[in-house]
Amino acid sequence: MIRILSISLLVLTLVGCFGKKSLDCAAINWTQKGLEDGKLGLDETNVLKLKQKCDDQGVTASVVDYKQGWLLGIEIYCSPKNAFMMSKSGQKALKQNNCPVEFKTNFAESFKRGQDLKKINDKLGPFKKRAKNLAQQKKELAAKINETDSEISKVENRIFELNQQKENIKRLSKDLEPDDVTYKTGDIGDKTVL
């Protein structure tokens, strides 16, 4: 029992080690990290958390470089286009709007427009789906109509051929019928005309 518990504890420890992404402070490009965090809309104070972790590793974080990258990234995040696209696709804005003051109003207005458009698209969704289904049904029915028209044409051609054969048979049968037939009956030599 102790052995099973030891193995389970070892497995959990290994999973924890492999599952956690460790921070390699020596390899961080601080401007790039700031840019990435800014694009995600993260608070610029995120660098303080990173700085603490890097201090523990004996690496000095470049707060100035991080801030330069973050300013570029947050400008992208806070752009009206990004706000609109986020809300239109159903993404939520961060609870705390980390956009600088000069971007907050445009961000909020664009985000609201995107939400409004998403609501409209959500309401239109079932209608679009129904229209798509009806278009598919129309296509299938058109194919059936074409198939039926083709079958009707084949039947009409067959009827025409049969009518021609019927007329040919009538002509042949008329050719085989005698015009006036004279029969002799008995020894008397009487004639019977049919």
C-alpha atoms as a PDB file:
ATOM      1  CA  MET A   1       0.000   0.000   0.000  1.00  0.00           C
ATOM      2  CA  ILE A   2       2.850   2.386   0.889  1.00  0.00           C
ATOM      3  CA  ARG A   3       4.557   1.482  -2.356  1.00  0.00           C
ATOM      4  CA  ILE A   4       1.424   2.388  -4.386  1.00  0.00           C
ATOM      5  CA  LEU A   5       1.131   5.700  -2.528  1.00  0.00           C
ATOM      6  CA  SER A   6       4.812   6.448  -3.199  1.00  0.00           C
ATOM      7  CA  ILE A   7       4.435   5.734  -6.898  1.00  0.00           C
ATOM      8  CA  SER A   8       1.260   7.856  -7.061  1.00  0.00           C
ATOM      9  CA  LEU A   9       3.026  10.743  -5.314  1.00  0.00           C
ATOM     10  CA  LEU A  10       5.979  10.454  -7.717  1.00  0.00           C
ATOM     11  CA  VAL A  11       3.648  10.462 -10.755  1.00  0.00           C
ATOM     12  CA  LEU A  12       1.785  13.519  -9.453  1.00  0.00           C
ATOM     13  CA  THR A  13       5.063  15.320  -8.841  1.00  0.00           C
ATOM     14  CA  LEU A  14       6.287  14.549 -12.347  1.00  0.00           C
ATOM     15  CA  VAL A  15       2.985  15.604 -13.915  1.00  0.00           C
ATOM     16  CA  GLY A  16       3.173  18.846 -11.961  1.00  0.00           C
ATOM     17  CA  CYS A  17       6.705  19.493 -13.184  1.00  0.00           C
ATOM     18  CA  PHE A  18       5.949  18.743 -16.804  1.00  0.00           C
ATOM     19  CA  GLY A  19       2.553  20.438 -16.781  1.00  0.00           C
ATOM     20  CA  LYS A  20       3.896  23.719 -15.437  1.00  0.00           C
ATOM     21  CA  LYS A  21       5.600  26.010 -17.853  1.00  0.00           C
ATOM     22  CA  SER A  22       8.673  27.282 -16.100  1.00  0.00           C
ATOM     23  CA  LEU A  23       9.893  30.805 -16.717  1.00  0.00           C
ATOM     24  CA  ASP A  24      13.393  31.030 -18.161  1.00  0.00           C
ATOM     25  CA  CYS A  25      14.235  34.629 -17.236  1.00  0.00           C
ATOM     26  CA  ALA A  26      17.639  34.544 -18.914  1.00  0.00           C
ATOM     27  CA  ALA A  27      15.995  33.864 -22.295  1.00  0.00           C
ATOM     28  CA  ILE A  28      13.288  36.548 -22.082  1.00  0.00           C
ATOM     29  CA  ASN A  29      13.279  39.380 -24.591  1.00  0.00           C
ATOM     30  CA  TRP A  30      11.683  41.969 -22.309  1.00  0.00           C
ATOM     31  CA  THR A  31      10.429  44.219 -25.107  1.00  0.00           C
ATOM     32  CA  GLN A  32       8.822  41.231 -26.851  1.00  0.00           C
ATOM     33  CA  LYS A  33       7.318  39.971 -23.577  1.00  0.00           C
ATOM     34  CA  GLY A  34       5.840  43.413 -22.904  1.00  0.00           C
ATOM     35  CA  LEU A  35       4.432  43.539 -26.449  1.00  0.00           C
ATOM     36  CA  GLU A  36       2.812  40.099 -26.060  1.00  0.00           C
ATOM     37  CA  ASP A  37       1.315  40.965 -22.660  1.00  0.00           C
ATOM     38  CA  GLY A  38       0.055  44.300 -23.994  1.00  0.00           C
ATOM     39  CA  LYS A  39      -1.616  42.609 -26.984  1.00  0.00           C
ATOM     40  CA  LEU A  40      -3.437  40.371 -24.495  1.00  0.00           C
ATOM     41  CA  GLY A  41      -4.638  43.443 -22.586  1.00  0.00           C
ATOM     42  CA  LEU A  42      -2.749  42.472 -19.445  1.00  0.00           C
ATOM     43  CA  ASP A  43      -1.988  45.120 -16.850  1.00  0.00           C
ATOM     44  CA  GLU A  44       1.443  46.682 -17.131  1.00  0.00           C
ATOM     45  CA  THR A  45       2.080  45.749 -13.512  1.00  0.00           C
ATOM     46  CA  ASN A  46       2.375  42.148 -14.725  1.00  0.00           C
ATOM     47  CA  VAL A  47       6.081  42.951 -15.090  1.00  0.00           C
ATOM     48  CA  LEU A  48       6.348  43.196 -11.293  1.00  0.00           C
ATOM     49  CA  LYS A  49       5.243  39.547 -10.955  1.00  0.00           C
ATOM     50  CA  LEU A  50       7.759  38.546 -13.624  1.00  0.00           C
ATOM     51  CA  LYS A  51      10.464  40.644 -11.958  1.00  0.00           C
ATOM     52  CA  GLN A  52       9.915  38.826  -8.660  1.00  0.00           C
ATOM     53  CA  LYS A  53      10.199  35.402 -10.340  1.00  0.00           C
ATOM     54  CA  CYS A  54      13.345  36.489 -12.195  1.00  0.00           C
ATOM     55  CA  ASP A  55      14.887  37.935  -9.032  1.00  0.00           C
ATOM     56  CA  ASP A  56      14.457  34.451  -7.516  1.00  0.00           C
ATOM     57  CA  GLN A  57      16.451  33.076 -10.486  1.00  0.00           C
ATOM     58  CA  GLY A  58      19.137  35.736 -10.062  1.00  0.00           C
ATOM     59  CA  VAL A  59      18.171  37.496 -13.317  1.00  0.00           C
ATOM     60  CA  THR A  60      17.393  41.206 -13.462  1.00  0.00           C
ATOM     61  CA  ALA A  61      14.219  42.006 -15.397  1.00  0.00           C
ATOM     62  CA  SER A  62      14.336  44.993 -17.744  1.00  0.00           C
ATOM     63  CA  VAL A  63      11.239  46.889 -16.643  1.00  0.00           C
ATOM     64  CA  VAL A  64      11.989  49.748 -19.068  1.00  0.00           C
ATOM     65  CA  ASP A  65      12.158  47.415 -22.101  1.00  0.00           C
ATOM     66  CA  TYR A  66       9.036  45.584 -20.944  1.00  0.00           C
ATOM     67  CA  LYS A  67       7.167  48.885 -20.612  1.00  0.00           C
ATOM     68  CA  GLN A  68       8.190  49.969 -24.143  1.00  0.00           C
ATOM     69  CA  GLY A  69       6.870  46.728 -25.613  1.00  0.00           C
ATOM     70  CA  TRP A  70       3.756  46.816 -23.436  1.00  0.00           C
ATOM     71  CA  LEU A  71       2.853  50.315 -24.668  1.00  0.00           C
ATOM     72  CA  LEU A  72       2.950  49.077 -28.282  1.00  0.00           C
ATOM     73  CA  GLY A  73       0.969  45.945 -27.428  1.00  0.00           C
ATOM     74  CA  ILE A  74      -1.696  47.709 -25.369  1.00  0.00           C
ATOM     75  CA  GLU A  75      -2.240  50.168 -28.207  1.00  0.00           C
ATOM     76  CA  ILE A  76      -3.005  47.204 -30.488  1.00  0.00           C
ATOM     77  CA  TYR A  77      -5.276  45.617 -27.863  1.00  0.00           C
ATOM     78  CA  CYS A  78      -7.111  48.880 -27.207  1.00  0.00           C
ATOM     79  CA  SER A  79      -7.631  49.734 -30.872  1.00  0.00           C
ATOM     80  CA  PRO A  80     -11.274  50.162 -31.912  1.00  0.00           C
ATOM     81  CA  LYS A  81     -10.823  47.465 -34.553  1.00  0.00           C
ATOM     82  CA  ASN A  82      -9.586  44.923 -32.006  1.00  0.00           C
ATOM     83  CA  ALA A  83     -12.357  45.841 -29.550  1.00  0.00           C
ATOM     84  CA  PHE A  84     -14.969  45.393 -32.272  1.00  0.00           C
ATOM     85  CA  MET A  85     -13.529  42.086 -33.499  1.00  0.00           C
ATOM     86  CA  MET A  86     -13.229  40.704 -29.963  1.00  0.00           C
ATOM     87  CA  SER A  87     -16.820  41.441 -29.020  1.00  0.00           C
ATOM     88  CA  LYS A  88     -18.217  40.431 -32.430  1.00  0.00           C
ATOM     89  CA  SER A  89     -16.608  37.003 -32.017  1.00  0.00           C
ATOM     90  CA  GLY A  90     -17.974  36.650 -28.488  1.00  0.00           C
ATOM     91  CA  GLN A  91     -14.775  37.273 -26.559  1.00  0.00           C
ATOM     92  CA  LYS A  92     -15.073  39.072 -23.276  1.00  0.00           C
ATOM     93  CA  ALA A  93     -13.086  42.154 -22.432  1.00  0.00           C
ATOM     94  CA  LEU A  94     -10.951  41.959 -19.324  1.00  0.00           C
ATOM     95  CA  LYS A  95     -12.861  42.941 -16.199  1.00  0.00           C
ATOM     96  CA  GLN A  96     -10.424  45.746 -15.622  1.00  0.00           C
ATOM     97  CA  ASN A  97      -9.975  47.796 -18.767  1.00  0.00           C
ATOM     98  CA  ASN A  98      -6.202  48.281 -18.878  1.00  0.00           C
ATOM     99  CA  CYS A  99      -6.378  50.658 -21.823  1.00  0.00           C
ATOM    100  CA  PRO A 100      -4.745  54.059 -21.360  1.00  0.00           C
ATOM    101  CA  VAL A 101      -7.206  56.917 -20.839  1.00  0.00           C
ATOM    102  CA  GLU A 102      -6.919  58.145 -24.437  1.00  0.00           C
ATOM    103  CA  PHE A 103      -8.140  54.748 -25.727  1.00  0.00           C
ATOM    104  CA  LYS A 104     -10.823  53.838 -23.163  1.00  0.00           C
ATOM    105  CA  THR A 105     -13.783  55.638 -24.781  1.00  0.00           C
ATOM    106  CA  ASN A 106     -13.135  54.402 -28.328  1.00  0.00           C
ATOM    107  CA  PHE A 107     -12.455  50.897 -27.023  1.00  0.00           C
ATOM    108  CA  ALA A 108     -15.738  50.831 -25.068  1.00  0.00           C
ATOM    109  CA  GLU A 109     -17.810  52.214 -27.966  1.00  0.00           C
ATOM    110  CA  SER A 110     -16.310  49.795 -30.492  1.00  0.00           C
ATOM    111  CA  PHE A 111     -16.710  46.897 -28.089  1.00  0.00           C
ATOM    112  CA  LYS A 112     -20.391  47.801 -27.648  1.00  0.00           C
ATOM    113  CA  ARG A 113     -20.935  47.957 -31.437  1.00  0.00           C
ATOM    114  CA  GLY A 114     -19.346  44.529 -31.796  1.00  0.00           C
ATOM    115  CA  GLN A 115     -21.620  43.144 -29.076  1.00  0.00           C
ATOM    116  CA  ASP A 116     -24.662  44.638 -30.801  1.00  0.00           C
ATOM    117  CA  LEU A 117     -23.637  43.076 -34.104  1.00  0.00           C
ATOM    118  CA  LYS A 118     -23.065  39.716 -32.398  1.00  0.00           C
ATOM    119  CA  LYS A 119     -26.586  39.859 -30.907  1.00  0.00           C
ATOM    120  CA  ILE A 120     -28.032  40.556 -34.357  1.00  0.00           C
ATOM    121  CA  ASN A 121     -25.969  37.772 -35.929  1.00  0.00           C
ATOM    122  CA  ASP A 122     -27.056  35.411 -33.147  1.00  0.00           C
ATOM    123  CA  LYS A 123     -30.705  36.213 -33.912  1.00  0.00           C
ATOM    124  CA  LEU A 124     -30.103  35.819 -37.647  1.00  0.00           C
ATOM    125  CA  GLY A 125     -28.266  32.540 -37.163  1.00  0.00           C
ATOM    126  CA  PRO A 126     -31.347  30.287 -37.196  1.00  0.00           C
ATOM    127  CA  PHE A 127     -32.736  32.136 -40.231  1.00  0.00           C
ATOM    128  CA  LYS A 128     -29.438  31.785 -42.085  1.00  0.00           C
ATOM    129  CA  LYS A 129     -29.364  28.084 -41.234  1.00  0.00           C
ATOM    130  CA  ARG A 130     -32.971  27.638 -42.401  1.00  0.00           C
ATOM    131  CA  ALA A 131     -32.240  29.548 -45.629  1.00  0.00           C
ATOM    132  CA  LYS A 132     -29.208  27.349 -46.231  1.00  0.00           C
ATOM    133  CA  ASN A 133     -31.298  24.213 -45.657  1.00  0.00           C
ATOM    134  CA  LEU A 134     -34.010  25.485 -48.012  1.00  0.00           C
ATOM    135  CA  ALA A 135     -31.417  26.297 -50.676  1.00  0.00           C
ATOM    136  CA  GLN A 136     -30.111  22.731 -50.362  1.00  0.00           C
ATOM    137  CA  GLN A 137     -33.649  21.344 -50.637  1.00  0.00           C
ATOM    138  CA  LYS A 138     -34.247  23.508 -53.713  1.00  0.00           C
ATOM    139  CA  LYS A 139     -31.061  22.161 -55.285  1.00  0.00           C
ATOM    140  CA  GLU A 140     -32.121  18.571 -54.541  1.00  0.00           C
ATOM    141  CA  LEU A 141     -35.621  19.177 -55.931  1.00  0.00           C
ATOM    142  CA  ALA A 142     -34.183  20.779 -59.074  1.00  0.00           C
ATOM    143  CA  ALA A 143     -32.042  17.683 -59.541  1.00  0.00           C
ATOM    144  CA  LYS A 144     -35.117  15.475 -59.090  1.00  0.00           C
ATOM    145  CA  ILE A 145     -37.081  17.614 -61.561  1.00  0.00           C
ATOM    146  CA  ASN A 146     -34.273  17.304 -64.105  1.00  0.00           C
ATOM    147  CA  GLU A 147     -34.184  13.573 -63.510  1.00  0.00           C
ATOM    148  CA  THR A 148     -37.977  13.360 -63.840  1.00  0.00           C
ATOM    149  CA  ASP A 149     -37.931  15.491 -67.017  1.00  0.00           C
ATOM    150  CA  SER A 150     -35.325  13.134 -68.424  1.00  0.00           C
ATOM    151  CA  GLU A 151     -37.460  10.111 -67.513  1.00  0.00           C
ATOM    152  CA  ILE A 152     -40.555  11.769 -69.031  1.00  0.00           C
ATOM    153  CA  SER A 153     -38.615  12.445 -72.208  1.00  0.00           C
ATOM    154  CA  LYS A 154     -37.491   8.805 -72.363  1.00  0.00           C
ATOM    155  CA  VAL A 155     -41.093   7.613 -71.826  1.00  0.00           C
ATOM    156  CA  GLU A 156     -42.388   9.992 -74.504  1.00  0.00           C
ATOM    157  CA  ASN A 157     -39.751   8.705 -76.926  1.00  0.00           C
ATOM    158  CA  ARG A 158     -40.725   5.116 -76.091  1.00  0.00           C
ATOM    159  CA  ILE A 159     -44.423   5.943 -76.635  1.00  0.00           C
ATOM    160  CA  PHE A 160     -43.548   7.507 -80.003  1.00  0.00           C
ATOM    161  CA  GLU A 161     -41.568   4.396 -80.980  1.00  0.00           C
ATOM    162  CA  LEU A 162     -44.434   2.117 -79.893  1.00  0.00           C
ATOM    163  CA  ASN A 163     -46.959   4.186 -81.881  1.00  0.00           C
ATOM    164  CA  GLN A 164     -44.733   3.875 -84.943  1.00  0.00           C
ATOM    165  CA  GLN A 165     -44.502   0.131 -84.418  1.00  0.00           C
ATOM    166  CA  LYS A 166     -48.304   0.001 -84.022  1.00  0.00           C
ATOM    167  CA  GLU A 167     -48.773   1.883 -87.300  1.00  0.00           C
ATOM    168  CA  ASN A 168     -46.306  -0.424 -89.014  1.00  0.00           C
ATOM    169  CA  ILE A 169     -48.180  -3.461 -87.712  1.00  0.00           C
ATOM    170  CA  LYS A 170     -51.514  -1.997 -88.917  1.00  0.00           C
ATOM    171  CA  ARG A 171     -50.042  -1.478 -92.397  1.00  0.00           C
ATOM    172  CA  LEU A 172     -48.679  -5.013 -92.448  1.00  0.00           C
ATOM    173  CA  SER A 173     -51.971  -6.459 -91.322  1.00  0.00           C
ATOM    174  CA  LYS A 174     -53.831  -4.537 -94.060  1.00  0.00           C
ATOM    175  CA  ASP A 175     -51.380  -5.896 -96.599  1.00  0.00           C
ATOM    176  CA  LEU A 176     -52.177  -9.411 -95.437  1.00  0.00           C
ATOM    177  CA  GLU A 177     -55.958  -9.016 -95.651  1.00  0.00           C
ATOM    178  CA  PRO A 178     -57.484 -10.096 -98.965  1.00  0.00           C
ATOM    179  CA  ASP A 179     -59.534  -7.558-100.890  1.00  0.00           C
ATOM    180  CA  ASP A 180     -62.418  -9.642-102.168  1.00  0.00           C
ATOM    181  CA  VAL A 181     -62.257 -13.318-101.597  1.00  0.00           C
ATOM    182  CA  THR A 182     -64.210 -15.761-103.677  1.00  0.00           C
ATOM    183  CA  TYR A 183     -64.822 -19.177-102.234  1.00  0.00           C
ATOM    184  CA  LYS A 184     -66.221 -22.177-103.970  1.00  0.00           C
ATOM    185  CA  THR A 185     -68.604 -24.186-101.956  1.00  0.00           C
ATOM    186  CA  GLY A 186     -69.574 -27.637-102.680  1.00  0.00           C
ATOM    187  CA  ASP A 187     -69.865 -29.175-106.116  1.00  0.00           C
ATOM    188  CA  ILE A 188     -72.438 -26.793-107.319  1.00  0.00           C
ATOM    189  CA  GLY A 189     -70.046 -24.102-108.084  1.00  0.00           C
ATOM    190  CA  ASP A 190     -71.729 -21.418-106.033  1.00  0.00           C
ATOM    191  CA  LYS A 191     -69.681 -18.352-105.338  1.00  0.00           C
ATOM    192  CA  THR A 192     -69.593 -16.607-101.969  1.00  0.00           C
ATOM    193  CA  VAL A 193     -68.103 -13.178-101.682  1.00  0.00           C
ATOM    194  CA  LEU A 194     -66.933 -12.002 -98.414  1.00  0.00           C
END
